[in-house]
Amino acid sequence: MIQDDAVRTLMQIATPKKFQASQYICYEGQPGNEMYIILKGSVGVFVSNAVGKQTEVSRIMAGDFFGEMAIFDNLPRSASCIALEDVVCVAIDKSRLTKFITACPDMTINLLENMSGRIRKLNGIVYKNEKFNAEKTVPPFSIPELYSFSHIVEEPYHDLNYTEAITAQCPICGKSITVLNLKKQIMSVSRFFNDGRLKYKECEPLWYDVWSCPYCHYSNYYTGFFQTPQFTKDVIRKVLTEQHIPVLGKATNLTTPFDHLFLRYIQAIHINESVNCGDVLLIGKLWLGLYWLFDDAADESMKMYCAKKAAEFLFQAVNEQKIPDAYSRQSIALTLANLFVAIGQKDNAQKMCMIVLNGEDKQLKNFAYTLKDSL
């Protein structure tokens, strides 16, 4: 707990804020410009796991702080923070940083120690991405020939109570854009499919998981849209100018909302292959999202095309152990088993089923038993 004199000091140099239970304080992947110190209540820290499910990874109690990286270099949030009960906190932005350091030296030391570990981790990620990108040759951006006609698919309903529009600067062109955050943690799962797809009552996330800038056409998965390292921005601008924009300019027949959604996805895939090719899990998830979308659109040719692409990248992610938690690995193995069945690779489907059956989740194992018995 923070001592009363420290609370009085914080109230003088920071902005008091209150959040109700279940209210989002910040969103994963969103840029931020302030840190928070909790005076009363508790906050849950949620991240999207490898299968897109929001998972609570820690809890922040009174006296703790979060969001500190934002006030130093405007790094996007690495997690969503949600009030677990009514919360009273103070917010400190860059303009108040000097006052905070002077008035609260003990808290500042804890802050710097915490940041040091995060910076080491970030440096490691940047090094790996640079290494992968230097060794990878990416084919030019193109629209798959199988996508030869405009698709008329009704945009699904979404409940505005479970969304929040936020305005921020595009990390590539710097212009002000508005993106739509989904409050996934408080949404209700209506159905879990045996291939890993989740259906929600309030909306269809697949339509909102990839954001795009209307000015420069930069597109990416929502958690990575603002997390664009400085060293990749020039590469992305070049790819957009020399490849994406010319190709999109010729696609004058693709005008429906579904067409635009598809184009956002394949742009995001190509951008990540160009500057983030080491993240085969993310690239595989984007192809998987398209596989499910083309299932909705009843386009069997594109569905199978995306199934093969998704299987290629997700299989690599499983084999190279790039899936951090056991549940996600088990879930993606089940998804892969279904993809391999769809594209006629039953031996690989059997192997993926065995990974699921060696896991702990009973629901996933039941799906795997049923699938394995049908092979």
Protein backbone atom coordinates (compact mmCIF):
# COMPACT_ATOMS: atom_id res chain seq x y z
CA MET A 1 0.00 0.00 0.00
CA ILE A 2 1.08 3.56 -0.67
CA GLN A 3 1.54 5.70 2.42
CA ASP A 4 -0.83 8.62 2.95
CA ASP A 5 1.86 11.23 2.37
CA ALA A 6 2.79 9.58 -0.94
CA VAL A 7 -0.87 9.56 -1.98
CA ARG A 8 -1.13 13.28 -1.22
CA THR A 9 2.00 13.92 -3.29
CA LEU A 10 0.68 11.92 -6.22
CA MET A 11 -2.67 13.69 -6.12
CA GLN A 12 -0.84 17.01 -6.47
CA ILE A 13 1.34 16.07 -9.46
CA ALA A 14 -0.87 13.56 -11.32
CA THR A 15 -4.40 13.32 -12.74
CA PRO A 16 -6.86 11.33 -10.58
CA LYS A 17 -8.95 8.81 -12.53
CA LYS A 18 -11.70 6.35 -11.68
CA PHE A 19 -12.73 3.19 -13.54
CA GLN A 20 -15.73 0.97 -12.91
CA ALA A 21 -15.49 -2.81 -12.64
CA SER A 22 -15.03 -4.47 -16.08
CA GLN A 23 -14.06 -1.15 -17.69
CA TYR A 24 -11.04 -1.18 -20.02
CA ILE A 25 -8.25 1.16 -18.92
CA CYS A 26 -6.04 0.53 -21.96
CA TYR A 27 -5.95 -1.82 -24.94
CA GLU A 28 -3.25 -4.22 -26.13
CA GLY A 29 -1.45 -2.82 -29.14
CA GLN A 30 -2.71 0.73 -28.65
CA PRO A 31 -0.30 3.66 -28.33
CA GLY A 32 -0.26 5.34 -24.93
CA ASN A 33 0.99 8.55 -23.41
CA GLU A 34 0.63 8.02 -19.68
CA MET A 35 1.35 5.56 -16.89
CA TYR A 36 -0.95 4.65 -14.01
CA ILE A 37 -0.44 4.14 -10.28
CA ILE A 38 -3.26 2.32 -8.49
CA LEU A 39 -4.47 3.85 -5.24
CA LYS A 40 -7.48 1.61 -4.67
CA GLY A 41 -8.80 -1.58 -6.27
CA SER A 42 -7.19 -4.12 -8.60
CA VAL A 43 -6.53 -4.35 -12.33
CA GLY A 44 -6.27 -7.48 -14.49
CA VAL A 45 -3.58 -7.65 -17.16
CA PHE A 46 -4.77 -9.56 -20.23
CA VAL A 47 -2.89 -10.56 -23.37
CA SER A 48 -4.06 -12.34 -26.50
CA ASN A 49 -2.61 -15.83 -26.51
CA ALA A 50 -1.55 -17.62 -29.67
CA VAL A 51 -5.14 -18.56 -30.54
CA GLY A 52 -6.54 -15.07 -29.96
CA LYS A 53 -8.13 -15.74 -26.58
CA GLN A 54 -7.73 -13.07 -23.91
CA THR A 55 -5.81 -14.58 -20.99
CA GLU A 56 -5.18 -12.98 -17.62
CA VAL A 57 -1.44 -13.04 -17.00
CA SER A 58 -1.20 -10.97 -13.81
CA ARG A 59 -3.02 -8.69 -11.41
CA ILE A 60 -1.97 -5.24 -10.33
CA MET A 61 -2.93 -4.19 -6.83
CA ALA A 62 -3.00 -0.90 -4.94
CA GLY A 63 0.49 0.61 -4.84
CA ASP A 64 1.56 -0.91 -8.16
CA PHE A 65 1.99 0.85 -11.50
CA PHE A 66 1.63 -0.05 -15.18
CA GLY A 67 1.98 1.54 -18.63
CA GLU A 68 5.31 3.13 -17.77
CA MET A 69 6.96 2.54 -21.18
CA ALA A 70 4.43 4.87 -22.80
CA ILE A 71 5.70 8.01 -21.11
CA PHE A 72 9.27 7.46 -22.34
CA ASP A 73 8.93 6.48 -26.01
CA ASN A 74 5.20 6.08 -26.76
CA LEU A 75 5.50 2.32 -27.13
CA PRO A 76 2.15 0.61 -27.72
CA ARG A 77 0.56 -1.22 -24.82
CA SER A 78 1.78 -4.79 -24.49
CA ALA A 79 -1.46 -5.87 -22.80
CA SER A 80 -5.04 -4.84 -22.12
CA CYS A 81 -5.67 -3.66 -18.57
CA ILE A 82 -9.18 -4.05 -17.16
CA ALA A 83 -10.58 -2.94 -13.81
CA LEU A 84 -11.53 -6.05 -11.82
CA GLU A 85 -13.42 -3.87 -9.35
CA ASP A 86 -13.95 -0.15 -8.95
CA VAL A 87 -10.49 1.39 -9.30
CA VAL A 88 -9.04 4.72 -8.20
CA CYS A 89 -5.69 5.61 -9.71
CA VAL A 90 -3.56 8.51 -10.88
CA ALA A 91 -2.25 9.04 -14.40
CA ILE A 92 1.17 10.55 -15.11
CA ASP A 93 2.11 11.76 -18.60
CA LYS A 94 5.38 13.13 -19.98
CA SER A 95 4.66 16.68 -18.87
CA ARG A 96 4.57 15.52 -15.24
CA LEU A 97 7.45 13.04 -15.40
CA THR A 98 10.10 15.37 -13.96
CA LYS A 99 7.86 16.26 -11.01
CA PHE A 100 7.19 12.56 -10.38
CA ILE A 101 10.91 11.65 -10.40
CA THR A 102 11.70 14.47 -7.98
CA ALA A 103 8.77 13.88 -5.62
CA CYS A 104 8.78 10.03 -5.61
CA PRO A 105 12.39 8.75 -5.82
CA ASP A 106 11.60 5.28 -4.40
CA MET A 107 8.87 4.67 -6.96
CA THR A 108 11.18 5.94 -9.71
CA ILE A 109 13.82 3.32 -8.85
CA ASN A 110 11.22 0.54 -9.10
CA LEU A 111 10.04 2.02 -12.37
CA LEU A 112 13.52 2.02 -13.93
CA GLU A 113 14.26 -1.54 -12.77
CA ASN A 114 11.04 -2.74 -14.36
CA MET A 115 11.78 -0.94 -17.63
CA SER A 116 15.29 -2.37 -17.86
CA GLY A 117 14.00 -5.94 -18.11
CA ARG A 118 11.46 -5.00 -20.76
CA ILE A 119 14.07 -3.21 -22.88
CA ARG A 120 16.35 -6.28 -22.83
CA LYS A 121 13.46 -8.45 -24.02
CA LEU A 122 12.56 -5.95 -26.76
CA ASN A 123 16.18 -5.80 -27.98
CA GLY A 124 16.20 -9.58 -28.30
CA ILE A 125 13.04 -9.53 -30.41
CA VAL A 126 14.42 -6.80 -32.68
CA TYR A 127 17.68 -8.74 -33.17
CA LYS A 128 15.83 -11.93 -34.13
CA ASN A 129 13.59 -10.09 -36.59
CA GLU A 130 16.55 -8.36 -38.23
CA LYS A 131 18.33 -11.72 -38.57
CA PHE A 132 15.30 -13.45 -40.09
CA ASN A 133 14.57 -10.57 -42.46
CA ALA A 134 18.16 -10.45 -43.72
CA GLU A 135 17.95 -14.12 -44.72
CA LYS A 136 14.48 -14.03 -46.30
CA THR A 137 13.47 -13.18 -49.87
CA VAL A 138 9.81 -12.19 -50.15
CA PRO A 139 7.90 -12.51 -53.45
CA PRO A 140 6.33 -9.29 -54.77
CA PHE A 141 2.88 -8.38 -53.50
CA SER A 142 0.02 -9.70 -55.63
CA ILE A 143 -3.65 -10.64 -55.40
CA PRO A 144 -4.10 -14.42 -55.73
CA GLU A 145 -5.41 -15.33 -59.18
CA LEU A 146 -8.11 -17.47 -57.56
CA TYR A 147 -9.68 -14.29 -56.19
CA SER A 148 -11.05 -13.45 -59.61
CA PHE A 149 -14.42 -11.90 -58.75
CA SER A 150 -15.93 -9.49 -56.26
CA HIS A 151 -17.48 -11.13 -53.20
CA ILE A 152 -20.82 -9.95 -51.84
CA VAL A 153 -20.91 -10.98 -48.19
CA GLU A 154 -23.00 -9.14 -45.64
CA GLU A 155 -20.92 -7.48 -42.94
CA PRO A 156 -21.84 -9.12 -39.62
CA TYR A 157 -23.59 -7.29 -36.81
CA HIS A 158 -21.51 -5.87 -33.99
CA ASP A 159 -22.78 -4.51 -30.69
CA LEU A 160 -21.44 -0.99 -30.21
CA ASN A 161 -21.40 -1.50 -26.44
CA TYR A 162 -18.48 -3.90 -26.92
CA THR A 163 -16.39 -1.63 -29.11
CA GLU A 164 -14.48 1.59 -28.60
CA ALA A 165 -13.27 3.88 -31.36
CA ILE A 166 -9.87 5.43 -30.64
CA THR A 167 -8.04 8.06 -32.67
CA ALA A 168 -4.26 7.84 -33.04
CA GLN A 169 -1.47 8.54 -35.51
CA CYS A 170 -0.68 6.01 -38.22
CA PRO A 171 2.86 4.76 -37.46
CA ILE A 172 3.80 4.91 -41.16
CA CYS A 173 2.39 8.17 -42.56
CA GLY A 174 1.70 9.98 -39.27
CA LYS A 175 -1.85 11.01 -40.17
CA SER A 176 -4.67 10.81 -37.65
CA ILE A 177 -6.82 7.69 -38.06
CA THR A 178 -9.59 6.03 -36.08
CA VAL A 179 -9.42 2.33 -35.17
CA LEU A 180 -12.04 0.14 -33.54
CA ASN A 181 -11.04 -1.75 -30.41
CA LEU A 182 -13.04 -4.81 -29.40
CA LYS A 183 -13.66 -5.50 -25.73
CA LYS A 184 -13.01 -9.20 -26.19
CA GLN A 185 -12.51 -9.98 -22.52
CA ILE A 186 -16.11 -9.06 -21.67
CA MET A 187 -17.61 -10.56 -24.84
CA SER A 188 -19.40 -13.93 -24.70
CA VAL A 189 -18.24 -16.96 -26.65
CA SER A 190 -21.33 -18.50 -28.25
CA ARG A 191 -19.62 -21.45 -29.94
CA PHE A 192 -16.23 -23.16 -30.06
CA PHE A 193 -15.56 -25.01 -33.32
CA ASN A 194 -13.36 -28.09 -33.46
CA ASP A 195 -10.93 -26.27 -35.77
CA GLY A 196 -10.29 -23.64 -33.08
CA ARG A 197 -12.60 -20.91 -34.33
CA LEU A 198 -14.46 -18.91 -31.69
CA LYS A 199 -17.85 -17.35 -32.37
CA TYR A 200 -18.97 -14.45 -30.19
CA LYS A 201 -22.50 -13.23 -29.50
CA GLU A 202 -21.59 -9.57 -29.80
CA CYS A 203 -19.64 -9.49 -33.09
CA GLU A 204 -17.36 -11.35 -35.51
CA PRO A 205 -13.76 -10.34 -34.62
CA LEU A 206 -12.39 -11.57 -37.95
CA TRP A 207 -13.85 -8.46 -39.58
CA TYR A 208 -12.06 -6.12 -37.17
CA ASP A 209 -8.77 -7.87 -36.32
CA VAL A 210 -6.83 -6.25 -39.19
CA TRP A 211 -6.60 -2.46 -39.22
CA SER A 212 -5.71 -0.29 -42.20
CA CYS A 213 -4.74 3.34 -42.71
CA PRO A 214 -7.03 4.97 -45.31
CA TYR A 215 -4.23 7.33 -46.39
CA CYS A 216 -1.08 5.23 -46.90
CA HIS A 217 -2.86 1.81 -46.97
CA TYR A 218 -0.63 0.33 -44.25
CA SER A 219 -2.43 -2.76 -42.87
CA ASN A 220 -1.58 -5.05 -39.98
CA TYR A 221 -2.99 -7.27 -37.24
CA TYR A 222 -4.43 -5.07 -34.50
CA THR A 223 -1.92 -6.02 -31.79
CA GLY A 224 0.99 -5.20 -34.08
CA PHE A 225 -0.38 -2.22 -36.01
CA PHE A 226 1.21 0.42 -33.77
CA GLN A 227 4.11 -1.79 -32.68
CA THR A 228 6.17 -0.93 -35.73
CA PRO A 229 9.91 -0.73 -34.91
CA GLN A 230 11.63 2.34 -36.29
CA PHE A 231 14.05 0.31 -38.42
CA THR A 232 11.15 -1.28 -40.37
CA LYS A 233 9.21 1.88 -41.23
CA ASP A 234 11.26 2.81 -44.31
CA VAL A 235 10.96 -0.76 -45.60
CA ILE A 236 7.19 -0.69 -45.13
CA ARG A 237 6.87 2.68 -46.88
CA LYS A 238 8.86 1.34 -49.83
CA VAL A 239 6.74 -1.84 -50.03
CA LEU A 240 3.53 0.19 -49.90
CA THR A 241 4.67 2.71 -52.53
CA GLU A 242 6.32 0.34 -54.97
CA GLN A 243 4.12 -2.75 -54.61
CA HIS A 244 0.86 -2.46 -52.66
CA ILE A 245 -0.52 0.82 -53.96
CA PRO A 246 0.07 0.00 -57.67
CA VAL A 247 -1.59 -3.42 -57.28
CA LEU A 248 -4.52 -2.01 -55.30
CA GLY A 249 -4.94 0.72 -57.91
CA LYS A 250 -5.55 -1.92 -60.58
CA ALA A 251 -8.08 -3.86 -58.47
CA THR A 252 -10.95 -1.58 -59.48
CA ASN A 253 -13.43 -4.47 -59.58
CA LEU A 254 -12.98 -5.28 -55.87
CA THR A 255 -15.30 -2.81 -54.21
CA THR A 256 -17.41 -4.64 -51.61
CA PRO A 257 -16.73 -4.57 -47.85
CA PHE A 258 -15.61 -8.22 -48.02
CA ASP A 259 -13.22 -7.40 -50.88
CA HIS A 260 -11.66 -4.60 -48.81
CA LEU A 261 -11.40 -6.94 -45.82
CA PHE A 262 -9.60 -9.54 -47.93
CA LEU A 263 -7.20 -6.94 -49.29
CA ARG A 264 -6.37 -5.77 -45.74
CA TYR A 265 -5.52 -9.34 -44.78
CA ILE A 266 -3.23 -10.09 -47.72
CA GLN A 267 -1.51 -6.73 -47.26
CA ALA A 268 -0.92 -7.52 -43.58
CA ILE A 269 0.47 -10.93 -44.53
CA HIS A 270 2.87 -9.48 -47.10
CA ILE A 271 4.03 -6.69 -44.77
CA ASN A 272 4.82 -9.18 -42.02
CA GLU A 273 6.61 -11.44 -44.51
CA SER A 274 8.66 -8.39 -45.52
CA VAL A 275 9.65 -7.07 -42.08
CA ASN A 276 8.58 -9.70 -39.54
CA CYS A 277 9.05 -13.00 -41.33
CA GLY A 278 10.29 -14.74 -38.18
CA ASP A 279 6.79 -14.57 -36.72
CA VAL A 280 5.39 -17.56 -38.61
CA LEU A 281 2.70 -17.92 -35.96
CA LEU A 282 1.23 -14.49 -36.73
CA ILE A 283 1.42 -15.02 -40.50
CA GLY A 284 -0.24 -18.41 -40.08
CA LYS A 285 -3.01 -16.89 -37.97
CA LEU A 286 -3.73 -14.31 -40.67
CA TRP A 287 -4.07 -17.04 -43.30
CA LEU A 288 -6.25 -18.98 -40.87
CA GLY A 289 -8.53 -15.96 -40.46
CA LEU A 290 -8.92 -15.83 -44.25
CA TYR A 291 -9.64 -19.57 -44.31
CA TRP A 292 -12.56 -19.04 -41.93
CA LEU A 293 -13.77 -15.94 -43.80
CA PHE A 294 -13.85 -17.79 -47.12
CA ASP A 295 -15.75 -20.59 -45.41
CA ASP A 296 -18.36 -17.93 -44.54
CA ALA A 297 -18.24 -16.65 -48.13
CA ALA A 298 -18.72 -20.18 -49.54
CA ASP A 299 -15.71 -19.76 -51.84
CA GLU A 300 -14.27 -23.27 -51.80
CA SER A 301 -11.27 -22.52 -54.05
CA MET A 302 -10.01 -19.61 -51.93
CA LYS A 303 -10.83 -21.52 -48.76
CA MET A 304 -8.53 -24.38 -49.79
CA TYR A 305 -5.85 -21.95 -50.96
CA CYS A 306 -5.84 -20.29 -47.54
CA ALA A 307 -5.97 -23.66 -45.77
CA LYS A 308 -2.70 -24.69 -47.44
CA LYS A 309 -1.05 -21.38 -46.57
CA ALA A 310 -2.24 -21.47 -42.96
CA ALA A 311 -1.11 -25.08 -42.55
CA GLU A 312 2.35 -24.27 -43.93
CA PHE A 313 3.06 -21.48 -41.44
CA LEU A 314 1.30 -22.96 -38.40
CA PHE A 315 3.05 -26.30 -38.93
CA GLN A 316 6.36 -24.47 -38.92
CA ALA A 317 5.35 -22.67 -35.70
CA VAL A 318 4.54 -25.99 -33.99
CA ASN A 319 7.71 -27.75 -35.21
CA GLU A 320 9.96 -24.85 -34.21
CA GLN A 321 8.23 -24.55 -30.82
CA LYS A 322 7.24 -20.92 -31.38
CA ILE A 323 3.99 -21.29 -29.44
CA PRO A 324 4.69 -20.21 -25.87
CA ASP A 325 1.94 -21.82 -23.79
CA ALA A 326 0.74 -25.42 -23.65
CA TYR A 327 -2.95 -24.69 -24.26
CA SER A 328 -2.24 -22.64 -27.39
CA ARG A 329 0.07 -25.33 -28.76
CA GLN A 330 -2.61 -27.95 -28.15
CA SER A 331 -5.30 -25.74 -29.71
CA ILE A 332 -3.23 -24.90 -32.80
CA ALA A 333 -2.33 -28.58 -33.23
CA LEU A 334 -6.08 -29.33 -33.33
CA THR A 335 -6.59 -26.54 -35.87
CA LEU A 336 -3.75 -27.99 -37.95
CA ALA A 337 -5.25 -31.47 -37.77
CA ASN A 338 -8.47 -30.10 -39.29
CA LEU A 339 -6.55 -28.12 -41.93
CA PHE A 340 -4.54 -31.19 -42.92
CA VAL A 341 -7.76 -33.21 -43.27
CA ALA A 342 -9.19 -30.45 -45.49
CA ILE A 343 -6.17 -30.47 -47.81
CA GLY A 344 -5.82 -34.25 -47.86
CA GLN A 345 -2.76 -34.77 -45.65
CA LYS A 346 -4.08 -37.43 -43.29
CA ASP A 347 -0.67 -38.54 -41.97
CA ASN A 348 0.08 -35.02 -40.74
CA ALA A 349 -3.44 -34.82 -39.34
CA GLN A 350 -2.73 -37.96 -37.28
CA LYS A 351 0.48 -36.44 -35.93
CA MET A 352 -1.30 -33.26 -34.87
CA CYS A 353 -4.05 -35.27 -33.18
CA MET A 354 -1.41 -37.02 -31.08
CA ILE A 355 -0.05 -33.67 -29.89
CA VAL A 356 -3.56 -32.72 -28.77
CA LEU A 357 -4.15 -36.08 -27.09
CA ASN A 358 -0.91 -35.68 -25.12
CA GLY A 359 -2.12 -32.34 -23.77
CA GLU A 360 -4.24 -31.49 -20.75
CA ASP A 361 -7.37 -29.78 -22.07
CA LYS A 362 -10.25 -32.28 -22.05
CA GLN A 363 -12.45 -30.46 -24.57
CA LEU A 364 -9.65 -30.30 -27.12
CA LYS A 365 -8.81 -33.96 -26.52
CA ASN A 366 -12.43 -34.98 -27.13
CA PHE A 367 -12.36 -33.14 -30.48
CA ALA A 368 -9.07 -34.86 -31.35
CA TYR A 369 -10.40 -38.35 -30.45
CA THR A 370 -13.41 -37.82 -32.73
CA LEU A 371 -11.28 -36.52 -35.58
CA LYS A 372 -8.64 -39.26 -35.23
CA ASP A 373 -11.30 -41.99 -35.27
CA SER A 374 -12.71 -40.57 -38.53
CA LEU A 375 -9.36 -40.76 -40.37
